[in-house]
Amino acid sequence: MLVVTGMFIYLIIFASYIELNPLITNIWYRIESDGYRHFRLSNLFNFIIKPFYVKELWFFQYWDLNYWIGSLFTILILHSVDMIMLRINVFKNIFYKNI
């Protein structure tokens, strides 16, 4: 569950980042040739799977464009927070049982 949660949280962060970054923008919310703005979630999906066929996206300087690296870090952070909260709860249970 933690993995799915982490990937979903990072998906929102990643989609916002690539759309709002002035160097990347217009990936999934773009102005088409008809002059109207359209959502193109298929472009977001293509951008997410791009590291599997463009090896340069695995290099350190491009980690911000690699969804999978960001998801891994998000999952690790969530796991660390979860472990800290677990230890705090265990400590509280031990401490309050002795009072």
Protein backbone atom coordinates (compact mmCIF):
# COMPACT_ATOMS: atom_id res chain seq x y z
CA MET A 1 0.00 0.00 0.00
CA LEU A 2 2.89 2.32 0.81
CA VAL A 3 4.34 1.79 -2.67
CA VAL A 4 1.07 2.64 -4.43
CA THR A 5 0.55 5.67 -2.19
CA GLY A 6 4.08 6.90 -2.84
CA MET A 7 3.77 6.46 -6.59
CA PHE A 8 0.43 8.29 -6.65
CA ILE A 9 1.73 11.18 -4.54
CA TYR A 10 4.77 11.50 -6.78
CA LEU A 11 2.62 11.26 -9.92
CA ILE A 12 0.80 14.42 -8.84
CA ILE A 13 4.08 16.17 -7.97
CA PHE A 14 5.74 15.01 -11.22
CA ALA A 15 2.81 16.01 -13.46
CA SER A 16 2.71 19.45 -11.84
CA TYR A 17 6.47 19.85 -12.12
CA ILE A 18 6.74 19.03 -15.81
CA GLU A 19 3.77 21.23 -16.64
CA LEU A 20 4.84 24.25 -14.57
CA ASN A 21 8.56 24.11 -15.31
CA PRO A 22 9.18 26.82 -17.94
CA LEU A 23 11.85 24.69 -19.65
CA ILE A 24 9.55 21.68 -20.17
CA THR A 25 5.86 22.80 -20.12
CA ASN A 26 2.99 21.82 -22.46
CA ILE A 27 3.36 18.10 -21.94
CA TRP A 28 -0.13 17.11 -20.84
CA TYR A 29 -2.07 20.40 -20.88
CA ARG A 30 -1.35 22.09 -24.16
CA ILE A 31 -2.62 24.43 -26.81
CA GLU A 32 -3.39 22.39 -29.91
CA SER A 33 -3.43 23.58 -33.51
CA ASP A 34 -7.11 24.56 -33.16
CA GLY A 35 -6.09 27.22 -30.60
CA TYR A 36 -7.83 25.56 -27.64
CA ARG A 37 -6.25 24.00 -24.58
CA HIS A 38 -6.58 20.24 -24.30
CA PHE A 39 -5.63 17.61 -21.73
CA ARG A 40 -3.36 14.96 -23.24
CA LEU A 41 -2.80 12.41 -20.51
CA SER A 42 -1.30 10.07 -23.11
CA ASN A 43 1.60 12.54 -23.38
CA LEU A 44 2.10 12.31 -19.61
CA PHE A 45 2.12 8.51 -19.85
CA ASN A 46 4.66 8.67 -22.70
CA PHE A 47 6.84 11.00 -20.64
CA ILE A 48 6.67 8.58 -17.68
CA ILE A 49 7.79 5.57 -19.73
CA LYS A 50 10.44 7.50 -21.67
CA PRO A 51 13.32 6.47 -19.31
CA PHE A 52 12.85 2.87 -20.48
CA TYR A 53 13.99 3.77 -23.99
CA VAL A 54 16.11 6.92 -23.44
CA LYS A 55 19.04 5.88 -21.24
CA GLU A 56 20.20 9.47 -20.65
CA LEU A 57 17.22 10.03 -18.35
CA TRP A 58 18.90 7.71 -15.84
CA PHE A 59 21.90 10.06 -15.56
CA PHE A 60 22.02 12.15 -12.38
CA GLN A 61 21.47 15.51 -14.09
CA TYR A 62 18.15 14.26 -15.54
CA TRP A 63 16.72 12.63 -12.43
CA ASP A 64 14.13 15.41 -12.16
CA LEU A 65 12.65 14.18 -15.47
CA ASN A 66 12.65 10.52 -14.46
CA TYR A 67 9.39 9.53 -12.79
CA TRP A 68 10.79 6.24 -11.52
CA ILE A 69 13.70 7.79 -9.63
CA GLY A 70 11.37 10.33 -8.00
CA SER A 71 8.89 7.59 -7.08
CA LEU A 72 11.66 5.58 -5.46
CA PHE A 73 12.74 8.54 -3.33
CA THR A 74 9.13 9.32 -2.39
CA ILE A 75 8.54 5.71 -1.32
CA LEU A 76 11.77 5.72 0.72
CA ILE A 77 10.75 8.96 2.45
CA LEU A 78 7.26 7.61 3.22
CA HIS A 79 8.76 4.38 4.54
CA SER A 80 11.16 6.33 6.77
CA VAL A 81 8.33 8.46 8.15
CA ASP A 82 6.25 5.33 8.70
CA MET A 83 9.09 3.67 10.63
CA ILE A 84 9.64 6.79 12.74
CA MET A 85 5.94 6.95 13.60
CA LEU A 86 5.96 3.25 14.47
CA ARG A 87 8.90 3.76 16.84
CA ILE A 88 7.21 6.74 18.45
CA ASN A 89 4.05 4.69 19.03
CA VAL A 90 6.03 1.77 20.47
CA PHE A 91 7.87 4.16 22.79
CA LYS A 92 4.57 5.73 23.90
CA ASN A 93 3.08 2.30 24.63
CA ILE A 94 6.10 1.26 26.69
CA PHE A 95 6.28 4.59 28.52
CA TYR A 96 2.58 4.85 29.35
CA LYS A 97 2.31 1.21 30.50
CA ASN A 98 4.89 1.90 33.20
CA ILE A 99 3.05 4.90 34.62
